[in-house]
Amino acid sequence: MPIRRVSKSNTTTNHINKGIGGGNTIVKRVTLGRPVKRVNADNGNLVNLNDVDAYAAEDGDVLVWSDETENWVAQKLLDKQIINGGQY
């Protein structure tokens, strides 16, 4: 049984008879998802994320992962990082 493809821009119908290798292509099921009706955009604040503690963030802070609290914490101190500047 050929696959039928209907174009929405015009009312033409194309039949596809041969698949890869010259054999017939058999499609058992085609499932389409439901369209998203409305998406609400967030204001983009980091403090709205569950695992970010940035309420007391100051100018120059960076987010650093804390194993103790299992959160990203805003701080200036980088005491556990290894920074490799390369060779010059």
PDB file of N, CA and C in Angstrom:
ATOM      1  N   MET A   1       0.842  -1.170   0.000  1.00  0.00           N
ATOM      2  CA  MET A   1       0.000   0.000   0.000  1.00  0.00           C
ATOM      3  C   MET A   1       0.891   1.238   0.000  1.00  0.00           C
ATOM      4  N   PRO A   2       0.729   2.160  -0.918  1.00  0.00           N
ATOM      5  CA  PRO A   2       1.578   3.343  -0.967  1.00  0.00           C
ATOM      6  C   PRO A   2       1.224   4.333   0.145  1.00  0.00           C
ATOM      7  N   ILE A   3       2.214   5.150   0.494  1.00  0.00           N
ATOM      8  CA  ILE A   3       2.007   6.213   1.467  1.00  0.00           C
ATOM      9  C   ILE A   3       1.415   7.404   0.735  1.00  0.00           C
ATOM     10  N   ARG A   4       0.419   8.024   1.313  1.00  0.00           N
ATOM     11  CA  ARG A   4      -0.220   9.171   0.694  1.00  0.00           C
ATOM     12  C   ARG A   4       0.196  10.433   1.436  1.00  0.00           C
ATOM     13  N   ARG A   5       0.695  11.398   0.706  1.00  0.00           N
ATOM     14  CA  ARG A   5       1.103  12.673   1.278  1.00  0.00           C
ATOM     15  C   ARG A   5       0.238  13.762   0.661  1.00  0.00           C
ATOM     16  N   VAL A   6      -0.478  14.499   1.521  1.00  0.00           N
ATOM     17  CA  VAL A   6      -1.362  15.560   1.052  1.00  0.00           C
ATOM     18  C   VAL A   6      -0.748  16.883   1.438  1.00  0.00           C
ATOM     19  N   SER A   7      -0.599  17.770   0.470  1.00  0.00           N
ATOM     20  CA  SER A   7      -0.052  19.094   0.704  1.00  0.00           C
ATOM     21  C   SER A   7      -1.161  20.014   1.188  1.00  0.00           C
ATOM     22  N   LYS A   8      -0.881  20.798   2.260  1.00  0.00           N
ATOM     23  CA  LYS A   8      -1.882  21.729   2.778  1.00  0.00           C
ATOM     24  C   LYS A   8      -1.931  23.025   1.972  1.00  0.00           C
ATOM     25  N   SER A   9      -0.839  23.367   1.274  1.00  0.00           N
ATOM     26  CA  SER A   9      -0.828  24.610   0.512  1.00  0.00           C
ATOM     27  C   SER A   9      -1.725  24.523  -0.716  1.00  0.00           C
ATOM     28  N   ASN A  10      -1.811  23.341  -1.265  1.00  0.00           N
ATOM     29  CA  ASN A  10      -2.764  23.128  -2.348  1.00  0.00           C
ATOM     30  C   ASN A  10      -3.377  21.740  -2.137  1.00  0.00           C
ATOM     31  N   THR A  11      -4.240  21.338  -2.958  1.00  0.00           N
ATOM     32  CA  THR A  11      -4.967  20.089  -2.712  1.00  0.00           C
ATOM     33  C   THR A  11      -4.372  18.911  -3.483  1.00  0.00           C
ATOM     34  N   THR A  12      -3.084  18.941  -3.776  1.00  0.00           N
ATOM     35  CA  THR A  12      -2.478  17.842  -4.506  1.00  0.00           C
ATOM     36  C   THR A  12      -2.159  16.687  -3.570  1.00  0.00           C
ATOM     37  N   THR A  13      -2.209  15.495  -4.087  1.00  0.00           N
ATOM     38  CA  THR A  13      -1.885  14.286  -3.337  1.00  0.00           C
ATOM     39  C   THR A  13      -0.792  13.545  -4.069  1.00  0.00           C
ATOM     40  N   ASN A  14       0.297  13.230  -3.351  1.00  0.00           N
ATOM     41  CA  ASN A  14       1.388  12.465  -3.938  1.00  0.00           C
ATOM     42  C   ASN A  14       1.402  11.073  -3.325  1.00  0.00           C
ATOM     43  N   HIS A  15       1.586  10.065  -4.151  1.00  0.00           N
ATOM     44  CA  HIS A  15       1.712   8.701  -3.670  1.00  0.00           C
ATOM     45  C   HIS A  15       3.172   8.272  -3.764  1.00  0.00           C
ATOM     46  N   ILE A  16       3.702   7.760  -2.683  1.00  0.00           N
ATOM     47  CA  ILE A  16       5.082   7.291  -2.647  1.00  0.00           C
ATOM     48  C   ILE A  16       5.035   5.767  -2.642  1.00  0.00           C
ATOM     49  N   ASN A  17       5.518   5.152  -3.711  1.00  0.00           N
ATOM     50  CA  ASN A  17       5.399   3.698  -3.846  1.00  0.00           C
ATOM     51  C   ASN A  17       6.622   2.945  -3.375  1.00  0.00           C
ATOM     52  N   LYS A  18       7.809   3.519  -3.524  1.00  0.00           N
ATOM     53  CA  LYS A  18       9.015   2.773  -3.221  1.00  0.00           C
ATOM     54  C   LYS A  18       9.787   3.448  -2.113  1.00  0.00           C
ATOM     55  N   GLY A  19      10.326   2.657  -1.208  1.00  0.00           N
ATOM     56  CA  GLY A  19      11.137   3.168  -0.118  1.00  0.00           C
ATOM     57  C   GLY A  19      12.606   2.950  -0.407  1.00  0.00           C
ATOM     58  N   ILE A  20      13.421   2.889   0.617  1.00  0.00           N
ATOM     59  CA  ILE A  20      14.859   2.697   0.482  1.00  0.00           C
ATOM     60  C   ILE A  20      15.119   1.302  -0.060  1.00  0.00           C
ATOM     61  N   GLY A  21      15.974   1.199  -1.044  1.00  0.00           N
ATOM     62  CA  GLY A  21      16.342  -0.087  -1.605  1.00  0.00           C
ATOM     63  C   GLY A  21      15.315  -0.637  -2.573  1.00  0.00           C
ATOM     64  N   GLY A  22      14.338   0.153  -2.964  1.00  0.00           N
ATOM     65  CA  GLY A  22      13.373  -0.302  -3.943  1.00  0.00           C
ATOM     66  C   GLY A  22      12.190  -1.049  -3.353  1.00  0.00           C
ATOM     67  N   GLY A  23      12.188  -1.363  -2.052  1.00  0.00           N
ATOM     68  CA  GLY A  23      11.068  -2.079  -1.447  1.00  0.00           C
ATOM     69  C   GLY A  23       9.979  -1.119  -1.014  1.00  0.00           C
ATOM     70  N   ASN A  24       8.881  -1.663  -0.596  1.00  0.00           N
ATOM     71  CA  ASN A  24       7.788  -0.828  -0.106  1.00  0.00           C
ATOM     72  C   ASN A  24       8.059  -0.397   1.325  1.00  0.00           C
ATOM     73  N   THR A  25       7.719   0.831   1.655  1.00  0.00           N
ATOM     74  CA  THR A  25       7.841   1.351   3.010  1.00  0.00           C
ATOM     75  C   THR A  25       6.501   1.178   3.704  1.00  0.00           C
ATOM     76  N   ILE A  26       6.517   0.525   4.859  1.00  0.00           N
ATOM     77  CA  ILE A  26       5.289   0.282   5.599  1.00  0.00           C
ATOM     78  C   ILE A  26       5.317   1.117   6.870  1.00  0.00           C
ATOM     79  N   VAL A  27       4.330   1.969   7.021  1.00  0.00           N
ATOM     80  CA  VAL A  27       4.194   2.794   8.222  1.00  0.00           C
ATOM     81  C   VAL A  27       3.034   2.243   9.022  1.00  0.00           C
ATOM     82  N   LYS A  28       3.322   1.810  10.247  1.00  0.00           N
ATOM     83  CA  LYS A  28       2.267   1.224  11.067  1.00  0.00           C
ATOM     84  C   LYS A  28       1.448   2.288  11.788  1.00  0.00           C
ATOM     85  N   ARG A  29       2.121   3.355  12.263  1.00  0.00           N
ATOM     86  CA  ARG A  29       1.399   4.370  13.016  1.00  0.00           C
ATOM     87  C   ARG A  29       2.128   5.698  12.924  1.00  0.00           C
ATOM     88  N   VAL A  30       1.377   6.760  12.808  1.00  0.00           N
ATOM     89  CA  VAL A  30       1.908   8.107  12.852  1.00  0.00           C
ATOM     90  C   VAL A  30       1.191   8.806  14.003  1.00  0.00           C
ATOM     91  N   THR A  31       1.970   9.284  14.982  1.00  0.00           N
ATOM     92  CA  THR A  31       1.393   9.942  16.146  1.00  0.00           C
ATOM     93  C   THR A  31       1.848  11.386  16.165  1.00  0.00           C
ATOM     94  N   LEU A  32       0.913  12.291  16.258  1.00  0.00           N
ATOM     95  CA  LEU A  32       1.222  13.705  16.339  1.00  0.00           C
ATOM     96  C   LEU A  32       0.912  14.188  17.742  1.00  0.00           C
ATOM     97  N   GLY A  33       1.759  15.064  18.267  1.00  0.00           N
ATOM     98  CA  GLY A  33       1.533  15.605  19.597  1.00  0.00           C
ATOM     99  C   GLY A  33       0.493  16.716  19.572  1.00  0.00           C
ATOM    100  N   ARG A  34       0.076  17.089  20.749  1.00  0.00           N
ATOM    101  CA  ARG A  34      -0.870  18.192  20.868  1.00  0.00           C
ATOM    102  C   ARG A  34      -0.113  19.511  20.781  1.00  0.00           C
ATOM    103  N   PRO A  35      -0.629  20.474  20.066  1.00  0.00           N
ATOM    104  CA  PRO A  35       0.054  21.764  19.996  1.00  0.00           C
ATOM    105  C   PRO A  35      -0.037  22.493  21.336  1.00  0.00           C
ATOM    106  N   VAL A  36       0.990  23.261  21.638  1.00  0.00           N
ATOM    107  CA  VAL A  36       1.013  24.053  22.857  1.00  0.00           C
ATOM    108  C   VAL A  36       0.161  25.281  22.620  1.00  0.00           C
ATOM    109  N   LYS A  37      -0.863  25.463  23.444  1.00  0.00           N
ATOM    110  CA  LYS A  37      -1.783  26.577  23.233  1.00  0.00           C
ATOM    111  C   LYS A  37      -1.203  27.892  23.727  1.00  0.00           C
ATOM    112  N   ARG A  38      -0.594  27.869  24.895  1.00  0.00           N
ATOM    113  CA  ARG A  38      -0.125  29.129  25.463  1.00  0.00           C
ATOM    114  C   ARG A  38       1.103  28.843  26.317  1.00  0.00           C
ATOM    115  N   VAL A  39       2.103  29.654  26.161  1.00  0.00           N
ATOM    116  CA  VAL A  39       3.310  29.555  26.956  1.00  0.00           C
ATOM    117  C   VAL A  39       3.459  30.840  27.746  1.00  0.00           C
ATOM    118  N   ASN A  40       3.610  30.714  29.053  1.00  0.00           N
ATOM    119  CA  ASN A  40       3.810  31.887  29.895  1.00  0.00           C
ATOM    120  C   ASN A  40       5.298  32.097  30.104  1.00  0.00           C
ATOM    121  N   ALA A  41       5.782  33.238  29.694  1.00  0.00           N
ATOM    122  CA  ALA A  41       7.198  33.545  29.840  1.00  0.00           C
ATOM    123  C   ALA A  41       7.489  33.958  31.274  1.00  0.00           C
ATOM    124  N   ASP A  42       8.625  33.519  31.788  1.00  0.00           N
ATOM    125  CA  ASP A  42       9.054  33.898  33.131  1.00  0.00           C
ATOM    126  C   ASP A  42       9.849  35.190  33.022  1.00  0.00           C
ATOM    127  N   ASN A  43       9.998  35.869  34.135  1.00  0.00           N
ATOM    128  CA  ASN A  43      10.744  37.118  34.103  1.00  0.00           C
ATOM    129  C   ASN A  43      12.250  36.888  34.085  1.00  0.00           C
ATOM    130  N   GLY A  44      12.698  35.655  34.235  1.00  0.00           N
ATOM    131  CA  GLY A  44      14.100  35.328  34.063  1.00  0.00           C
ATOM    132  C   GLY A  44      14.989  35.563  35.267  1.00  0.00           C
ATOM    133  N   ASN A  45      14.443  35.738  36.453  1.00  0.00           N
ATOM    134  CA  ASN A  45      15.278  35.933  37.635  1.00  0.00           C
ATOM    135  C   ASN A  45      15.833  34.616  38.130  1.00  0.00           C
ATOM    136  N   LEU A  46      17.131  34.609  38.483  1.00  0.00           N
ATOM    137  CA  LEU A  46      17.750  33.402  39.010  1.00  0.00           C
ATOM    138  C   LEU A  46      17.169  32.988  40.351  1.00  0.00           C
ATOM    139  N   VAL A  47      16.682  33.936  41.127  1.00  0.00           N
ATOM    140  CA  VAL A  47      16.143  33.603  42.445  1.00  0.00           C
ATOM    141  C   VAL A  47      14.865  32.776  42.341  1.00  0.00           C
ATOM    142  N   ASN A  48      14.267  32.697  41.161  1.00  0.00           N
ATOM    143  CA  ASN A  48      13.065  31.883  40.984  1.00  0.00           C
ATOM    144  C   ASN A  48      13.390  30.407  40.781  1.00  0.00           C
ATOM    145  N   LEU A  49      14.659  30.073  40.572  1.00  0.00           N
ATOM    146  CA  LEU A  49      15.044  28.680  40.403  1.00  0.00           C
ATOM    147  C   LEU A  49      15.177  28.015  41.772  1.00  0.00           C
ATOM    148  N   ASN A  50      14.804  26.749  41.836  1.00  0.00           N
ATOM    149  CA  ASN A  50      14.791  26.036  43.115  1.00  0.00           C
ATOM    150  C   ASN A  50      16.169  25.810  43.711  1.00  0.00           C
ATOM    151  N   ASP A  51      17.186  25.643  42.879  1.00  0.00           N
ATOM    152  CA  ASP A  51      18.501  25.292  43.409  1.00  0.00           C
ATOM    153  C   ASP A  51      19.509  26.438  43.316  1.00  0.00           C
ATOM    154  N   VAL A  52      19.030  27.681  43.324  1.00  0.00           N
ATOM    155  CA  VAL A  52      19.913  28.847  43.273  1.00  0.00           C
ATOM    156  C   VAL A  52      19.631  29.736  44.473  1.00  0.00           C
ATOM    157  N   ASP A  53      20.678  30.024  45.241  1.00  0.00           N
ATOM    158  CA  ASP A  53      20.568  30.939  46.374  1.00  0.00           C
ATOM    159  C   ASP A  53      21.280  32.235  45.986  1.00  0.00           C
ATOM    160  N   ALA A  54      20.544  33.140  45.365  1.00  0.00           N
ATOM    161  CA  ALA A  54      21.130  34.392  44.893  1.00  0.00           C
ATOM    162  C   ALA A  54      20.394  35.598  45.456  1.00  0.00           C
ATOM    163  N   TYR A  55      19.746  35.429  46.604  1.00  0.00           N
ATOM    164  CA  TYR A  55      18.980  36.532  47.189  1.00  0.00           C
ATOM    165  C   TYR A  55      19.885  37.672  47.649  1.00  0.00           C
ATOM    166  N   ALA A  56      21.077  37.350  48.128  1.00  0.00           N
ATOM    167  CA  ALA A  56      21.989  38.378  48.623  1.00  0.00           C
ATOM    168  C   ALA A  56      23.108  38.653  47.622  1.00  0.00           C
ATOM    169  N   ALA A  57      22.861  38.429  46.339  1.00  0.00           N
ATOM    170  CA  ALA A  57      23.888  38.625  45.317  1.00  0.00           C
ATOM    171  C   ALA A  57      24.295  40.081  45.238  1.00  0.00           C
ATOM    172  N   GLU A  58      25.598  40.299  45.065  1.00  0.00           N
ATOM    173  CA  GLU A  58      26.159  41.641  44.943  1.00  0.00           C
ATOM    174  C   GLU A  58      26.917  41.749  43.633  1.00  0.00           C
ATOM    175  N   ASP A  59      27.286  42.957  43.293  1.00  0.00           N
ATOM    176  CA  ASP A  59      28.040  43.213  42.071  1.00  0.00           C
ATOM    177  C   ASP A  59      29.350  42.427  42.082  1.00  0.00           C
ATOM    178  N   GLY A  60      29.606  41.654  41.046  1.00  0.00           N
ATOM    179  CA  GLY A  60      30.838  40.881  40.930  1.00  0.00           C
ATOM    180  C   GLY A  60      30.722  39.446  41.408  1.00  0.00           C
ATOM    181  N   ASP A  61      29.590  39.044  41.976  1.00  0.00           N
ATOM    182  CA  ASP A  61      29.411  37.668  42.440  1.00  0.00           C
ATOM    183  C   ASP A  61      29.314  36.704  41.268  1.00  0.00           C
ATOM    184  N   VAL A  62      29.711  35.460  41.513  1.00  0.00           N
ATOM    185  CA  VAL A  62      29.549  34.370  40.560  1.00  0.00           C
ATOM    186  C   VAL A  62      28.789  33.258  41.263  1.00  0.00           C
ATOM    187  N   LEU A  63      28.144  32.392  40.492  1.00  0.00           N
ATOM    188  CA  LEU A  63      27.443  31.258  41.077  1.00  0.00           C
ATOM    189  C   LEU A  63      28.420  30.103  41.255  1.00  0.00           C
ATOM    190  N   VAL A  64      28.484  29.581  42.486  1.00  0.00           N
ATOM    191  CA  VAL A  64      29.379  28.475  42.828  1.00  0.00           C
ATOM    192  C   VAL A  64      28.528  27.380  43.446  1.00  0.00           C
ATOM    193  N   TRP A  65      28.743  26.125  43.033  1.00  0.00           N
ATOM    194  CA  TRP A  65      27.983  24.996  43.567  1.00  0.00           C
ATOM    195  C   TRP A  65      28.452  24.673  44.980  1.00  0.00           C
ATOM    196  N   SER A  66      27.513  24.480  45.887  1.00  0.00           N
ATOM    197  CA  SER A  66      27.801  24.120  47.269  1.00  0.00           C
ATOM    198  C   SER A  66      27.290  22.707  47.525  1.00  0.00           C
ATOM    199  N   ASP A  67      28.218  21.785  47.850  1.00  0.00           N
ATOM    200  CA  ASP A  67      27.812  20.420  48.173  1.00  0.00           C
ATOM    201  C   ASP A  67      27.033  20.357  49.478  1.00  0.00           C
ATOM    202  N   GLU A  68      27.317  21.261  50.398  1.00  0.00           N
ATOM    203  CA  GLU A  68      26.628  21.256  51.688  1.00  0.00           C
ATOM    204  C   GLU A  68      25.135  21.536  51.540  1.00  0.00           C
ATOM    205  N   THR A  69      24.794  22.569  50.786  1.00  0.00           N
ATOM    206  CA  THR A  69      23.391  22.946  50.620  1.00  0.00           C
ATOM    207  C   THR A  69      22.772  22.383  49.345  1.00  0.00           C
ATOM    208  N   GLU A  70      23.613  21.820  48.469  1.00  0.00           N
ATOM    209  CA  GLU A  70      23.189  21.314  47.161  1.00  0.00           C
ATOM    210  C   GLU A  70      22.448  22.392  46.368  1.00  0.00           C
ATOM    211  N   ASN A  71      23.015  23.581  46.402  1.00  0.00           N
ATOM    212  CA  ASN A  71      22.485  24.736  45.678  1.00  0.00           C
ATOM    213  C   ASN A  71      23.626  25.506  45.038  1.00  0.00           C
ATOM    214  N   TRP A  72      23.282  26.330  44.052  1.00  0.00           N
ATOM    215  CA  TRP A  72      24.202  27.301  43.500  1.00  0.00           C
ATOM    216  C   TRP A  72      24.141  28.525  44.403  1.00  0.00           C
ATOM    217  N   VAL A  73      25.280  29.012  44.852  1.00  0.00           N
ATOM    218  CA  VAL A  73      25.350  30.131  45.788  1.00  0.00           C
ATOM    219  C   VAL A  73      26.109  31.275  45.120  1.00  0.00           C
ATOM    220  N   ALA A  74      25.577  32.488  45.248  1.00  0.00           N
ATOM    221  CA  ALA A  74      26.249  33.666  44.710  1.00  0.00           C
ATOM    222  C   ALA A  74      27.295  34.134  45.710  1.00  0.00           C
ATOM    223  N   GLN A  75      28.559  34.196  45.261  1.00  0.00           N
ATOM    224  CA  GLN A  75      29.642  34.627  46.144  1.00  0.00           C
ATOM    225  C   GLN A  75      30.810  35.135  45.314  1.00  0.00           C
ATOM    226  N   LYS A  76      31.706  35.862  45.968  1.00  0.00           N
ATOM    227  CA  LYS A  76      32.911  36.365  45.299  1.00  0.00           C
ATOM    228  C   LYS A  76      34.107  35.445  45.511  1.00  0.00           C
ATOM    229  N   LEU A  77      34.099  34.684  46.585  1.00  0.00           N
ATOM    230  CA  LEU A  77      35.231  33.853  46.956  1.00  0.00           C
ATOM    231  C   LEU A  77      35.259  32.567  46.125  1.00  0.00           C
ATOM    232  N   LEU A  78      36.378  32.332  45.465  1.00  0.00           N
ATOM    233  CA  LEU A  78      36.584  31.094  44.711  1.00  0.00           C
ATOM    234  C   LEU A  78      37.678  30.305  45.424  1.00  0.00           C
ATOM    235  N   ASP A  79      37.300  29.513  46.411  1.00  0.00           N
ATOM    236  CA  ASP A  79      38.298  28.836  47.230  1.00  0.00           C
ATOM    237  C   ASP A  79      38.552  27.391  46.832  1.00  0.00           C
ATOM    238  N   LYS A  80      37.716  26.769  45.989  1.00  0.00           N
ATOM    239  CA  LYS A  80      37.902  25.369  45.620  1.00  0.00           C
ATOM    240  C   LYS A  80      38.180  25.185  44.127  1.00  0.00           C
ATOM    241  N   GLN A  81      38.259  26.260  43.388  1.00  0.00           N
ATOM    242  CA  GLN A  81      38.434  26.161  41.946  1.00  0.00           C
ATOM    243  C   GLN A  81      39.918  26.083  41.584  1.00  0.00           C
ATOM    244  N   ILE A  82      40.186  25.398  40.493  1.00  0.00           N
ATOM    245  CA  ILE A  82      41.527  25.340  39.931  1.00  0.00           C
ATOM    246  C   ILE A  82      41.491  26.125  38.635  1.00  0.00           C
ATOM    247  N   ILE A  83      42.267  27.178  38.582  1.00  0.00           N
ATOM    248  CA  ILE A  83      42.301  28.017  37.398  1.00  0.00           C
ATOM    249  C   ILE A  83      43.665  27.845  36.742  1.00  0.00           C
ATOM    250  N   ASN A  84      43.645  27.370  35.495  1.00  0.00           N
ATOM    251  CA  ASN A  84      44.864  27.137  34.746  1.00  0.00           C
ATOM    252  C   ASN A  84      44.937  28.194  33.659  1.00  0.00           C
ATOM    253  N   GLY A  85      45.897  29.089  33.786  1.00  0.00           N
ATOM    254  CA  GLY A  85      46.056  30.158  32.805  1.00  0.00           C
ATOM    255  C   GLY A  85      46.839  29.741  31.575  1.00  0.00           C
ATOM    256  N   GLY A  86      47.297  28.507  31.510  1.00  0.00           N
ATOM    257  CA  GLY A  86      48.051  28.037  30.364  1.00  0.00           C
ATOM    258  C   GLY A  86      49.522  28.429  30.458  1.00  0.00           C
ATOM    259  N   GLN A  87      50.245  28.183  29.364  1.00  0.00           N
ATOM    260  CA  GLN A  87      51.665  28.501  29.311  1.00  0.00           C
ATOM    261  C   GLN A  87      51.888  29.582  28.273  1.00  0.00           C
ATOM    262  N   TYR A  88      52.774  30.520  28.621  1.00  0.00           N
ATOM    263  CA  TYR A  88      53.066  31.625  27.706  1.00  0.00           C
ATOM    264  C   TYR A  88      54.550  31.685  27.439  1.00  0.00           C
TER     265      TYR A  88
END
